[in-house]
């Protein structure tokens, strides 16, 4: 597995200790279709760029947002998550 791109950002502060974070990651996975793993949080498709690599390559996109809460000692916890709609 190779991560091609990833980012996360706080998109909204709900209160002084709660916020919404958005995360998107793009991966390339070798030989195993990751569709079941990403589930409702993303999509996967067989890569068109097979180059000289043996076995199948899949491109996977993960796109989610979550509500988080700040905790003591510079920690945070995720309270809930949901998939984001892919922008087309």
Protein backbone atom coordinates (compact mmCIF):
# COMPACT_ATOMS: atom_id res chain seq x y z
CA UNK A 1 0.00 0.00 0.00
CA UNK A 2 1.25 3.48 -0.87
CA UNK A 3 -0.30 6.73 0.34
CA UNK A 4 -0.41 9.24 -2.51
CA UNK A 5 -2.03 12.18 -0.77
CA UNK A 6 -3.55 13.06 2.60
CA UNK A 7 -4.86 16.11 4.39
CA UNK A 8 -6.98 17.01 7.38
CA UNK A 9 -8.26 20.32 8.65
CA UNK A 10 -10.52 21.73 11.31
CA UNK A 11 -13.52 23.03 9.39
CA UNK A 12 -15.68 24.34 12.23
CA UNK A 13 -15.43 25.12 15.94
CA UNK A 14 -18.64 24.10 17.72
CA UNK A 15 -17.52 25.33 21.15
CA UNK A 16 -14.27 26.06 22.98
CA UNK A 17 -13.56 22.31 23.26
CA UNK A 18 -15.44 20.73 20.33
CA UNK A 19 -14.68 20.94 16.62
CA UNK A 20 -15.34 19.27 13.28
CA UNK A 21 -12.38 17.90 11.35
CA UNK A 22 -12.35 16.87 7.69
CA UNK A 23 -9.94 14.24 6.37
CA UNK A 24 -9.20 12.98 2.88
CA UNK A 25 -6.65 10.34 1.86
CA UNK A 26 -5.74 8.76 -1.44
CA UNK A 27 -4.00 5.39 -1.54
CA UNK A 28 -2.78 2.87 -4.06
CA UNK A 29 -3.25 -0.75 -3.00
CA UNK A 30 -1.64 -3.76 -4.65
CA UNK A 31 -3.52 -6.98 -5.49
CA UNK A 32 -6.47 -6.62 -3.06
CA UNK A 33 -9.62 -4.62 -3.79
CA UNK A 34 -10.03 -2.23 -0.79
CA UNK A 35 -13.72 -1.44 -1.47
CA UNK A 36 -14.99 -3.34 1.58
CA UNK A 37 -12.41 -1.68 3.83
CA UNK A 38 -13.22 1.91 2.87
CA UNK A 39 -16.96 1.12 2.83
CA UNK A 40 -19.25 4.14 2.98
CA UNK A 41 -16.27 6.44 3.67
CA UNK A 42 -14.78 6.16 0.22
CA UNK A 43 -14.45 4.37 -3.06
CA UNK A 44 -11.97 2.17 -4.85
CA UNK A 45 -11.40 1.31 -8.47
CA UNK A 46 -8.90 -0.68 -10.45
CA UNK A 47 -6.06 1.56 -11.56
CA UNK A 48 -5.72 2.27 -15.26
CA UNK A 49 -1.99 2.86 -14.84
CA UNK A 50 -0.70 -0.69 -14.54
CA UNK A 51 2.83 0.15 -15.78
CA UNK A 52 5.14 -2.86 -15.38
CA UNK A 53 3.84 -3.85 -11.93
CA UNK A 54 2.75 -7.48 -11.55
CA UNK A 55 -0.73 -7.96 -10.02
CA UNK A 56 -3.66 -5.58 -9.89
CA UNK A 57 -3.39 -2.03 -8.55
CA UNK A 58 -6.36 -0.22 -7.00
CA UNK A 59 -6.79 3.50 -6.35
CA UNK A 60 -8.68 4.19 -3.12
CA UNK A 61 -10.15 7.44 -1.80
CA UNK A 62 -11.14 7.94 1.84
CA UNK A 63 -13.20 11.05 2.67
CA UNK A 64 -14.73 11.61 6.12
CA UNK A 65 -15.52 14.20 8.73
CA UNK A 66 -15.74 13.79 12.46
CA UNK A 67 -16.75 15.67 15.56
CA UNK A 68 -13.94 15.77 18.10
CA UNK A 69 -13.41 17.00 21.63
CA UNK A 70 -10.26 18.45 23.19
CA UNK A 71 -8.99 16.59 26.26
CA UNK A 72 -6.36 17.47 28.87
CA UNK A 73 -2.65 16.95 28.10
CA UNK A 74 -2.86 18.00 24.45
CA UNK A 75 -5.10 15.07 23.48
CA UNK A 76 -8.41 14.80 21.64
CA UNK A 77 -11.05 12.14 21.06
CA UNK A 78 -13.38 11.44 18.15
CA UNK A 79 -17.04 11.57 19.19
CA UNK A 80 -18.58 10.55 15.85
CA UNK A 81 -17.72 10.22 12.18
CA UNK A 82 -19.59 10.33 8.92
CA UNK A 83 -18.70 10.03 5.24
CA UNK A 84 -18.37 13.21 3.18
CA UNK A 85 -19.88 13.62 -0.23
CA UNK A 86 -17.19 13.58 -2.90
CA UNK A 87 -16.96 16.85 -4.80
CA UNK A 88 -17.33 16.28 -8.53
